[in-house]
Amino acid sequence: IETPFYAQLRTEEQLGYIVNAGYQPLLEAPGISLLVQSPSA
């Protein structure tokens, strides 16, 4: 999910300047996080 999320929301849509997604475990608990920070949207 990491590359297409960045390519779609950051590169193509320019939704924000901090855009990332990927695997994010909390201790031993697995999870996927998706983050967008934007000055305009």
ModelCIF file with pLDDT and N, C-alpha, C, O atoms, coordinates in Angstrom:
data_MODEL
#
_entry.id   MODEL 
#
_entity.id                         1 
_entity.type                       polymer 
_entity.pdbx_number_of_molecules   1 
#
_entity_poly.entity_id                      1 
_entity_poly.type                           'polypeptide(L)' 
_entity_poly.nstd_linkage                   no 
_entity_poly.nstd_monomer                   no 
_entity_poly.pdbx_seq_one_letter_code       IETPFYAQLRTEEQLGYIVNAGYQPLLEAPGISLLVQSPSA 
_entity_poly.pdbx_seq_one_letter_code_can   IETPFYAQLRTEEQLGYIVNAGYQPLLEAPGISLLVQSPSA 
_entity_poly.pdbx_strand_id                 A 
#
loop_
_entity_poly_seq.entity_id 
_entity_poly_seq.num 
_entity_poly_seq.mon_id 
_entity_poly_seq.hetero 
1 1  ILE n 
1 2  GLU n 
1 3  THR n 
1 4  PRO n 
1 5  PHE n 
1 6  TYR n 
1 7  ALA n 
1 8  GLN n 
1 9  LEU n 
1 10 ARG n 
1 11 THR n 
1 12 GLU n 
1 13 GLU n 
1 14 GLN n 
1 15 LEU n 
1 16 GLY n 
1 17 TYR n 
1 18 ILE n 
1 19 VAL n 
1 20 ASN n 
1 21 ALA n 
1 22 GLY n 
1 23 TYR n 
1 24 GLN n 
1 25 PRO n 
1 26 LEU n 
1 27 LEU n 
1 28 GLU n 
1 29 ALA n 
1 30 PRO n 
1 31 GLY n 
1 32 ILE n 
1 33 SER n 
1 34 LEU n 
1 35 LEU n 
1 36 VAL n 
1 37 GLN n 
1 38 SER n 
1 39 PRO n 
1 40 SER n 
1 41 ALA n 
#
_struct_asym.id          A 
_struct_asym.entity_id   1 
#
loop_
_ma_qa_metric.id 
_ma_qa_metric.mode 
_ma_qa_metric.name 
_ma_qa_metric.software_group_id 
_ma_qa_metric.type 
1 global pLDDT . pLDDT 
2 local  pLDDT . pLDDT 
#
_ma_qa_metric_global.metric_id      1 
_ma_qa_metric_global.metric_value   96.68 
_ma_qa_metric_global.model_id       1 
_ma_qa_metric_global.ordinal_id     1 
#
loop_
_ma_qa_metric_local.label_asym_id 
_ma_qa_metric_local.label_comp_id 
_ma_qa_metric_local.label_seq_id 
_ma_qa_metric_local.metric_id 
_ma_qa_metric_local.metric_value 
_ma_qa_metric_local.model_id 
_ma_qa_metric_local.ordinal_id 
A ILE 1  2 98.00 1 1  
A GLU 2  2 97.00 1 2  
A THR 3  2 97.00 1 3  
A PRO 4  2 97.00 1 4  
A PHE 5  2 98.00 1 5  
A TYR 6  2 98.00 1 6  
A ALA 7  2 97.00 1 7  
A GLN 8  2 97.00 1 8  
A LEU 9  2 97.00 1 9  
A ARG 10 2 97.00 1 10 
A THR 11 2 96.00 1 11 
A GLU 12 2 96.00 1 12 
A GLU 13 2 96.00 1 13 
A GLN 14 2 95.00 1 14 
A LEU 15 2 95.00 1 15 
A GLY 16 2 93.00 1 16 
A TYR 17 2 91.00 1 17 
A ILE 18 2 97.00 1 18 
A VAL 19 2 98.00 1 19 
A ASN 20 2 97.00 1 20 
A ALA 21 2 98.00 1 21 
A GLY 22 2 98.00 1 22 
A TYR 23 2 98.00 1 23 
A GLN 24 2 97.00 1 24 
A PRO 25 2 97.00 1 25 
A LEU 26 2 97.00 1 26 
A LEU 27 2 94.00 1 27 
A GLU 28 2 93.00 1 28 
A ALA 29 2 96.00 1 29 
A PRO 30 2 98.00 1 30 
A GLY 31 2 98.00 1 31 
A ILE 32 2 98.00 1 32 
A SER 33 2 98.00 1 33 
A LEU 34 2 98.00 1 34 
A LEU 35 2 98.00 1 35 
A VAL 36 2 98.00 1 36 
A GLN 37 2 98.00 1 37 
A SER 38 2 97.00 1 38 
A PRO 39 2 96.00 1 39 
A SER 40 2 95.00 1 40 
A ALA 41 2 97.00 1 41 
#
loop_
_atom_site.group_PDB 
_atom_site.id 
_atom_site.type_symbol 
_atom_site.label_atom_id 
_atom_site.label_alt_id 
_atom_site.label_comp_id 
_atom_site.label_asym_id 
_atom_site.label_entity_id 
_atom_site.label_seq_id 
_atom_site.pdbx_PDB_ins_code 
_atom_site.Cartn_x 
_atom_site.Cartn_y 
_atom_site.Cartn_z 
_atom_site.occupancy 
_atom_site.B_iso_or_equiv 
_atom_site.pdbx_formal_charge 
_atom_site.auth_seq_id 
_atom_site.auth_comp_id 
_atom_site.auth_asym_id 
_atom_site.auth_atom_id 
_atom_site.pdbx_PDB_model_num 
ATOM 1   N N  . ILE A 1 1  ? 0.811  -1.222 0.000  1.00 98.00 ? 1  ILE A N  1 
ATOM 2   C CA . ILE A 1 1  ? 0.000  0.000  0.000  1.00 98.00 ? 1  ILE A CA 1 
ATOM 3   C C  . ILE A 1 1  ? 0.844  1.273  0.000  1.00 98.00 ? 1  ILE A C  1 
ATOM 4   O O  . ILE A 1 1  ? 0.358  2.342  -0.370 1.00 98.00 ? 1  ILE A O  1 
ATOM 5   N N  . GLU A 1 2  ? 2.093  1.161  0.409  1.00 97.00 ? 2  GLU A N  1 
ATOM 6   C CA . GLU A 1 2  ? 2.937  2.335  0.641  1.00 97.00 ? 2  GLU A CA 1 
ATOM 7   C C  . GLU A 1 2  ? 3.109  3.217  -0.599 1.00 97.00 ? 2  GLU A C  1 
ATOM 8   O O  . GLU A 1 2  ? 2.824  4.413  -0.547 1.00 97.00 ? 2  GLU A O  1 
ATOM 9   N N  . THR A 1 3  ? 3.561  2.654  -1.684 1.00 97.00 ? 3  THR A N  1 
ATOM 10  C CA . THR A 1 3  ? 3.863  3.451  -2.878 1.00 97.00 ? 3  THR A CA 1 
ATOM 11  C C  . THR A 1 3  ? 2.617  3.995  -3.571 1.00 97.00 ? 3  THR A C  1 
ATOM 12  O O  . THR A 1 3  ? 2.583  5.184  -3.890 1.00 97.00 ? 3  THR A O  1 
ATOM 13  N N  . PRO A 1 4  ? 1.589  3.176  -3.819 1.00 97.00 ? 4  PRO A N  1 
ATOM 14  C CA . PRO A 1 4  ? 0.414  3.734  -4.501 1.00 97.00 ? 4  PRO A CA 1 
ATOM 15  C C  . PRO A 1 4  ? -0.310 4.806  -3.686 1.00 97.00 ? 4  PRO A C  1 
ATOM 16  O O  . PRO A 1 4  ? -0.864 5.740  -4.266 1.00 97.00 ? 4  PRO A O  1 
ATOM 17  N N  . PHE A 1 5  ? -0.318 4.695  -2.366 1.00 98.00 ? 5  PHE A N  1 
ATOM 18  C CA . PHE A 1 5  ? -0.961 5.721  -1.539 1.00 98.00 ? 5  PHE A CA 1 
ATOM 19  C C  . PHE A 1 5  ? -0.253 7.061  -1.720 1.00 98.00 ? 5  PHE A C  1 
ATOM 20  O O  . PHE A 1 5  ? -0.899 8.092  -1.913 1.00 98.00 ? 5  PHE A O  1 
ATOM 21  N N  . TYR A 1 6  ? 1.064  7.039  -1.657 1.00 98.00 ? 6  TYR A N  1 
ATOM 22  C CA . TYR A 1 6  ? 1.837  8.275  -1.835 1.00 98.00 ? 6  TYR A CA 1 
ATOM 23  C C  . TYR A 1 6  ? 1.668  8.812  -3.252 1.00 98.00 ? 6  TYR A C  1 
ATOM 24  O O  . TYR A 1 6  ? 1.465  10.011 -3.443 1.00 98.00 ? 6  TYR A O  1 
ATOM 25  N N  . ALA A 1 7  ? 1.751  7.925  -4.249 1.00 97.00 ? 7  ALA A N  1 
ATOM 26  C CA . ALA A 1 7  ? 1.658  8.366  -5.634 1.00 97.00 ? 7  ALA A CA 1 
ATOM 27  C C  . ALA A 1 7  ? 0.300  8.997  -5.930 1.00 97.00 ? 7  ALA A C  1 
ATOM 28  O O  . ALA A 1 7  ? 0.222  10.003 -6.634 1.00 97.00 ? 7  ALA A O  1 
ATOM 29  N N  . GLN A 1 8  ? -0.776 8.405  -5.389 1.00 97.00 ? 8  GLN A N  1 
ATOM 30  C CA . GLN A 1 8  ? -2.110 8.909  -5.675 1.00 97.00 ? 8  GLN A CA 1 
ATOM 31  C C  . GLN A 1 8  ? -2.402 10.210 -4.935 1.00 97.00 ? 8  GLN A C  1 
ATOM 32  O O  . GLN A 1 8  ? -2.812 11.193 -5.554 1.00 97.00 ? 8  GLN A O  1 
ATOM 33  N N  . LEU A 1 9  ? -2.195 10.228 -3.619 1.00 97.00 ? 9  LEU A N  1 
ATOM 34  C CA . LEU A 1 9  ? -2.644 11.370 -2.817 1.00 97.00 ? 9  LEU A CA 1 
ATOM 35  C C  . LEU A 1 9  ? -1.620 12.494 -2.757 1.00 97.00 ? 9  LEU A C  1 
ATOM 36  O O  . LEU A 1 9  ? -1.988 13.657 -2.589 1.00 97.00 ? 9  LEU A O  1 
ATOM 37  N N  . ARG A 1 10 ? -0.360 12.167 -2.890 1.00 97.00 ? 10 ARG A N  1 
ATOM 38  C CA . ARG A 1 10 ? 0.662  13.219 -2.822 1.00 97.00 ? 10 ARG A CA 1 
ATOM 39  C C  . ARG A 1 10 ? 1.069  13.687 -4.220 1.00 97.00 ? 10 ARG A C  1 
ATOM 40  O O  . ARG A 1 10 ? 1.010  14.879 -4.522 1.00 97.00 ? 10 ARG A O  1 
ATOM 41  N N  . THR A 1 11 ? 1.482  12.747 -5.067 1.00 96.00 ? 11 THR A N  1 
ATOM 42  C CA . THR A 1 11 ? 2.016  13.127 -6.374 1.00 96.00 ? 11 THR A CA 1 
ATOM 43  C C  . THR A 1 11 ? 0.916  13.578 -7.332 1.00 96.00 ? 11 THR A C  1 
ATOM 44  O O  . THR A 1 11 ? 1.028  14.627 -7.967 1.00 96.00 ? 11 THR A O  1 
ATOM 45  N N  . GLU A 1 12 ? -0.148 12.779 -7.433 1.00 96.00 ? 12 GLU A N  1 
ATOM 46  C CA . GLU A 1 12 ? -1.190 13.101 -8.410 1.00 96.00 ? 12 GLU A CA 1 
ATOM 47  C C  . GLU A 1 12 ? -2.181 14.138 -7.887 1.00 96.00 ? 12 GLU A C  1 
ATOM 48  O O  . GLU A 1 12 ? -2.441 15.140 -8.554 1.00 96.00 ? 12 GLU A O  1 
ATOM 49  N N  . GLU A 1 13 ? -2.728 13.905 -6.707 1.00 96.00 ? 13 GLU A N  1 
ATOM 50  C CA . GLU A 1 13 ? -3.760 14.808 -6.203 1.00 96.00 ? 13 GLU A CA 1 
ATOM 51  C C  . GLU A 1 13 ? -3.182 15.987 -5.424 1.00 96.00 ? 13 GLU A C  1 
ATOM 52  O O  . GLU A 1 13 ? -3.882 16.972 -5.188 1.00 96.00 ? 13 GLU A O  1 
ATOM 53  N N  . GLN A 1 14 ? -1.906 15.899 -5.020 1.00 95.00 ? 14 GLN A N  1 
ATOM 54  C CA . GLN A 1 14 ? -1.252 16.961 -4.244 1.00 95.00 ? 14 GLN A CA 1 
ATOM 55  C C  . GLN A 1 14 ? -2.121 17.395 -3.069 1.00 95.00 ? 14 GLN A C  1 
ATOM 56  O O  . GLN A 1 14 ? -2.350 18.580 -2.830 1.00 95.00 ? 14 GLN A O  1 
ATOM 57  N N  . LEU A 1 15 ? -2.594 16.377 -2.343 1.00 95.00 ? 15 LEU A N  1 
ATOM 58  C CA . LEU A 1 15 ? -3.523 16.625 -1.243 1.00 95.00 ? 15 LEU A CA 1 
ATOM 59  C C  . LEU A 1 15 ? -2.825 17.224 -0.025 1.00 95.00 ? 15 LEU A C  1 
ATOM 60  O O  . LEU A 1 15 ? -3.433 17.981 0.731  1.00 95.00 ? 15 LEU A O  1 
ATOM 61  N N  . GLY A 1 16 ? -1.566 16.888 0.161  1.00 93.00 ? 16 GLY A N  1 
ATOM 62  C CA . GLY A 1 16 ? -0.826 17.396 1.309  1.00 93.00 ? 16 GLY A CA 1 
ATOM 63  C C  . GLY A 1 16 ? 0.654  17.142 1.101  1.00 93.00 ? 16 GLY A C  1 
ATOM 64  O O  . GLY A 1 16 ? 1.051  16.425 0.182  1.00 93.00 ? 16 GLY A O  1 
ATOM 65  N N  . TYR A 1 17 ? 1.464  17.734 1.960  1.00 91.00 ? 17 TYR A N  1 
ATOM 66  C CA . TYR A 1 17 ? 2.907  17.548 1.800  1.00 91.00 ? 17 TYR A CA 1 
ATOM 67  C C  . TYR A 1 17 ? 3.452  16.460 2.706  1.00 91.00 ? 17 TYR A C  1 
ATOM 68  O O  . TYR A 1 17 ? 4.605  16.056 2.556  1.00 91.00 ? 17 TYR A O  1 
ATOM 69  N N  . ILE A 1 18 ? 2.641  15.973 3.653  1.00 97.00 ? 18 ILE A N  1 
ATOM 70  C CA . ILE A 1 18 ? 3.027  14.797 4.436  1.00 97.00 ? 18 ILE A CA 1 
ATOM 71  C C  . ILE A 1 18 ? 1.970  13.728 4.177  1.00 97.00 ? 18 ILE A C  1 
ATOM 72  O O  . ILE A 1 18 ? 0.845  13.815 4.668  1.00 97.00 ? 18 ILE A O  1 
ATOM 73  N N  . VAL A 1 19 ? 2.350  12.731 3.405  1.00 98.00 ? 19 VAL A N  1 
ATOM 74  C CA . VAL A 1 19 ? 1.431  11.666 2.998  1.00 98.00 ? 19 VAL A CA 1 
ATOM 75  C C  . VAL A 1 19 ? 2.184  10.346 3.118  1.00 98.00 ? 19 VAL A C  1 
ATOM 76  O O  . VAL A 1 19 ? 3.212  10.157 2.467  1.00 98.00 ? 19 VAL A O  1 
ATOM 77  N N  . ASN A 1 20 ? 1.690  9.446  3.930  1.00 97.00 ? 20 ASN A N  1 
ATOM 78  C CA . ASN A 1 20 ? 2.337  8.136  4.017  1.00 97.00 ? 20 ASN A CA 1 
ATOM 79  C C  . ASN A 1 20 ? 1.354  7.078  4.490  1.00 97.00 ? 20 ASN A C  1 
ATOM 80  O O  . ASN A 1 20 ? 0.382  7.371  5.186  1.00 97.00 ? 20 ASN A O  1 
ATOM 81  N N  . ALA A 1 21 ? 1.625  5.875  4.104  1.00 98.00 ? 21 ALA A N  1 
ATOM 82  C CA . ALA A 1 21 ? 0.837  4.717  4.524  1.00 98.00 ? 21 ALA A CA 1 
ATOM 83  C C  . ALA A 1 21 ? 1.768  3.529  4.598  1.00 98.00 ? 21 ALA A C  1 
ATOM 84  O O  . ALA A 1 21 ? 2.761  3.470  3.873  1.00 98.00 ? 21 ALA A O  1 
ATOM 85  N N  . GLY A 1 22 ? 1.459  2.575  5.474  1.00 98.00 ? 22 GLY A N  1 
ATOM 86  C CA . GLY A 1 22 ? 2.296  1.391  5.575  1.00 98.00 ? 22 GLY A CA 1 
ATOM 87  C C  . GLY A 1 22 ? 2.035  0.625  6.846  1.00 98.00 ? 22 GLY A C  1 
ATOM 88  O O  . GLY A 1 22 ? 1.126  0.932  7.617  1.00 98.00 ? 22 GLY A O  1 
ATOM 89  N N  . TYR A 1 23 ? 2.853  -0.371 7.038  1.00 98.00 ? 23 TYR A N  1 
ATOM 90  C CA . TYR A 1 23 ? 2.731  -1.240 8.207  1.00 98.00 ? 23 TYR A CA 1 
ATOM 91  C C  . TYR A 1 23 ? 3.150  -0.488 9.455  1.00 98.00 ? 23 TYR A C  1 
ATOM 92  O O  . TYR A 1 23 ? 4.218  0.123  9.485  1.00 98.00 ? 23 TYR A O  1 
ATOM 93  N N  . GLN A 1 24 ? 2.311  -0.527 10.493 1.00 97.00 ? 24 GLN A N  1 
ATOM 94  C CA . GLN A 1 24 ? 2.634  0.132  11.749 1.00 97.00 ? 24 GLN A CA 1 
ATOM 95  C C  . GLN A 1 24 ? 2.186  -0.738 12.921 1.00 97.00 ? 24 GLN A C  1 
ATOM 96  O O  . GLN A 1 24 ? 1.039  -0.646 13.357 1.00 97.00 ? 24 GLN A O  1 
ATOM 97  N N  . PRO A 1 25 ? 3.075  -1.575 13.429 1.00 97.00 ? 25 PRO A N  1 
ATOM 98  C CA . PRO A 1 25 ? 2.710  -2.352 14.611 1.00 97.00 ? 25 PRO A CA 1 
ATOM 99  C C  . PRO A 1 25 ? 2.754  -1.484 15.862 1.00 97.00 ? 25 PRO A C  1 
ATOM 100 O O  . PRO A 1 25 ? 3.568  -0.566 15.964 1.00 97.00 ? 25 PRO A O  1 
ATOM 101 N N  . LEU A 1 26 ? 1.881  -1.779 16.800 1.00 97.00 ? 26 LEU A N  1 
ATOM 102 C CA . LEU A 1 26 ? 1.915  -1.174 18.131 1.00 97.00 ? 26 LEU A CA 1 
ATOM 103 C C  . LEU A 1 26 ? 2.259  -2.292 19.105 1.00 97.00 ? 26 LEU A C  1 
ATOM 104 O O  . LEU A 1 26 ? 1.433  -3.162 19.382 1.00 97.00 ? 26 LEU A O  1 
ATOM 105 N N  . LEU A 1 27 ? 3.497  -2.261 19.628 1.00 94.00 ? 27 LEU A N  1 
ATOM 106 C CA . LEU A 1 27 ? 4.051  -3.402 20.342 1.00 94.00 ? 27 LEU A CA 1 
ATOM 107 C C  . LEU A 1 27 ? 3.989  -4.596 19.384 1.00 94.00 ? 27 LEU A C  1 
ATOM 108 O O  . LEU A 1 27 ? 4.552  -4.533 18.291 1.00 94.00 ? 27 LEU A O  1 
ATOM 109 N N  . GLU A 1 28 ? 3.314  -5.685 19.775 1.00 93.00 ? 28 GLU A N  1 
ATOM 110 C CA . GLU A 1 28 ? 3.233  -6.855 18.893 1.00 93.00 ? 28 GLU A CA 1 
ATOM 111 C C  . GLU A 1 28 ? 1.967  -6.858 18.039 1.00 93.00 ? 28 GLU A C  1 
ATOM 112 O O  . GLU A 1 28 ? 1.753  -7.784 17.256 1.00 93.00 ? 28 GLU A O  1 
ATOM 113 N N  . ALA A 1 29 ? 1.135  -5.840 18.179 1.00 96.00 ? 29 ALA A N  1 
ATOM 114 C CA . ALA A 1 29 ? -0.136 -5.806 17.459 1.00 96.00 ? 29 ALA A CA 1 
ATOM 115 C C  . ALA A 1 29 ? 0.064  -5.215 16.075 1.00 96.00 ? 29 ALA A C  1 
ATOM 116 O O  . ALA A 1 29 ? 0.528  -4.080 15.959 1.00 96.00 ? 29 ALA A O  1 
ATOM 117 N N  . PRO A 1 30 ? -0.277 -5.957 15.008 1.00 98.00 ? 30 PRO A N  1 
ATOM 118 C CA . PRO A 1 30 ? -0.064 -5.442 13.657 1.00 98.00 ? 30 PRO A CA 1 
ATOM 119 C C  . PRO A 1 30 ? -1.161 -4.471 13.242 1.00 98.00 ? 30 PRO A C  1 
ATOM 120 O O  . PRO A 1 30 ? -2.291 -4.551 13.724 1.00 98.00 ? 30 PRO A O  1 
ATOM 121 N N  . GLY A 1 31 ? -0.816 -3.561 12.351 1.00 98.00 ? 31 GLY A N  1 
ATOM 122 C CA . GLY A 1 31 ? -1.796 -2.606 11.849 1.00 98.00 ? 31 GLY A CA 1 
ATOM 123 C C  . GLY A 1 31 ? -1.275 -1.876 10.624 1.00 98.00 ? 31 GLY A C  1 
ATOM 124 O O  . GLY A 1 31 ? -0.084 -1.924 10.317 1.00 98.00 ? 31 GLY A O  1 
ATOM 125 N N  . ILE A 1 32 ? -2.170 -1.206 9.934  1.00 98.00 ? 32 ILE A N  1 
ATOM 126 C CA . ILE A 1 32 ? -1.841 -0.375 8.783  1.00 98.00 ? 32 ILE A CA 1 
ATOM 127 C C  . ILE A 1 32 ? -2.282 1.051  9.109  1.00 98.00 ? 32 ILE A C  1 
ATOM 128 O O  . ILE A 1 32 ? -3.430 1.269  9.496  1.00 98.00 ? 32 ILE A O  1 
ATOM 129 N N  . SER A 1 33 ? -1.387 2.015  8.956  1.00 98.00 ? 33 SER A N  1 
ATOM 130 C CA . SER A 1 33 ? -1.754 3.416  9.181  1.00 98.00 ? 33 SER A CA 1 
ATOM 131 C C  . SER A 1 33 ? -1.730 4.168  7.862  1.00 98.00 ? 33 SER A C  1 
ATOM 132 O O  . SER A 1 33 ? -0.923 3.883  6.977  1.00 98.00 ? 33 SER A O  1 
ATOM 133 N N  . LEU A 1 34 ? -2.637 5.138  7.753  1.00 98.00 ? 34 LEU A N  1 
ATOM 134 C CA . LEU A 1 34 ? -2.719 5.998  6.564  1.00 98.00 ? 34 LEU A CA 1 
ATOM 135 C C  . LEU A 1 34 ? -2.834 7.426  7.064  1.00 98.00 ? 34 LEU A C  1 
ATOM 136 O O  . LEU A 1 34 ? -3.779 7.765  7.776  1.00 98.00 ? 34 LEU A O  1 
ATOM 137 N N  . LEU A 1 35 ? -1.869 8.268  6.692  1.00 98.00 ? 35 LEU A N  1 
ATOM 138 C CA . LEU A 1 35 ? -1.794 9.620  7.230  1.00 98.00 ? 35 LEU A CA 1 
ATOM 139 C C  . LEU A 1 35 ? -1.673 10.645 6.110  1.00 98.00 ? 35 LEU A C  1 
ATOM 140 O O  . LEU A 1 35 ? -0.877 10.487 5.185  1.00 98.00 ? 35 LEU A O  1 
ATOM 141 N N  . VAL A 1 36 ? -2.478 11.698 6.213  1.00 98.00 ? 36 VAL A N  1 
ATOM 142 C CA . VAL A 1 36 ? -2.365 12.841 5.314  1.00 98.00 ? 36 VAL A CA 1 
ATOM 143 C C  . VAL A 1 36 ? -2.440 14.109 6.156  1.00 98.00 ? 36 VAL A C  1 
ATOM 144 O O  . VAL A 1 36 ? -3.367 14.290 6.945  1.00 98.00 ? 36 VAL A O  1 
ATOM 145 N N  . GLN A 1 37 ? -1.458 14.981 5.979  1.00 98.00 ? 37 GLN A N  1 
ATOM 146 C CA . GLN A 1 37 ? -1.456 16.309 6.604  1.00 98.00 ? 37 GLN A CA 1 
ATOM 147 C C  . GLN A 1 37 ? -1.450 17.342 5.491  1.00 98.00 ? 37 GLN A C  1 
ATOM 148 O O  . GLN A 1 37 ? -0.615 17.288 4.589  1.00 98.00 ? 37 GLN A O  1 
ATOM 149 N N  . SER A 1 38 ? -2.389 18.289 5.556  1.00 97.00 ? 38 SER A N  1 
ATOM 150 C CA . SER A 1 38 ? -2.553 19.227 4.439  1.00 97.00 ? 38 SER A CA 1 
ATOM 151 C C  . SER A 1 38 ? -2.721 20.657 4.927  1.00 97.00 ? 38 SER A C  1 
ATOM 152 O O  . SER A 1 38 ? -3.400 20.897 5.926  1.00 97.00 ? 38 SER A O  1 
ATOM 153 N N  . PRO A 1 39 ? -2.096 21.627 4.219  1.00 96.00 ? 39 PRO A N  1 
ATOM 154 C CA . PRO A 1 39 ? -2.291 23.035 4.561  1.00 96.00 ? 39 PRO A CA 1 
ATOM 155 C C  . PRO A 1 39 ? -3.534 23.636 3.912  1.00 96.00 ? 39 PRO A C  1 
ATOM 156 O O  . PRO A 1 39 ? -3.912 24.764 4.227  1.00 96.00 ? 39 PRO A O  1 
ATOM 157 N N  . SER A 1 40 ? -4.175 22.892 3.006  1.00 95.00 ? 40 SER A N  1 
ATOM 158 C CA . SER A 1 40 ? -5.288 23.475 2.243  1.00 95.00 ? 40 SER A CA 1 
ATOM 159 C C  . SER A 1 40 ? -6.567 22.654 2.297  1.00 95.00 ? 40 SER A C  1 
ATOM 160 O O  . SER A 1 40 ? -7.651 23.223 2.430  1.00 95.00 ? 40 SER A O  1 
ATOM 161 N N  . ALA A 1 41 ? -6.472 21.344 2.198  1.00 97.00 ? 41 ALA A N  1 
ATOM 162 C CA . ALA A 1 41 ? -7.669 20.502 2.207  1.00 97.00 ? 41 ALA A CA 1 
ATOM 163 C C  . ALA A 1 41 ? -8.189 20.326 3.623  1.00 97.00 ? 41 ALA A C  1 
ATOM 164 O O  . ALA A 1 41 ? -9.194 19.647 3.831  1.00 97.00 ? 41 ALA A O  1 
#
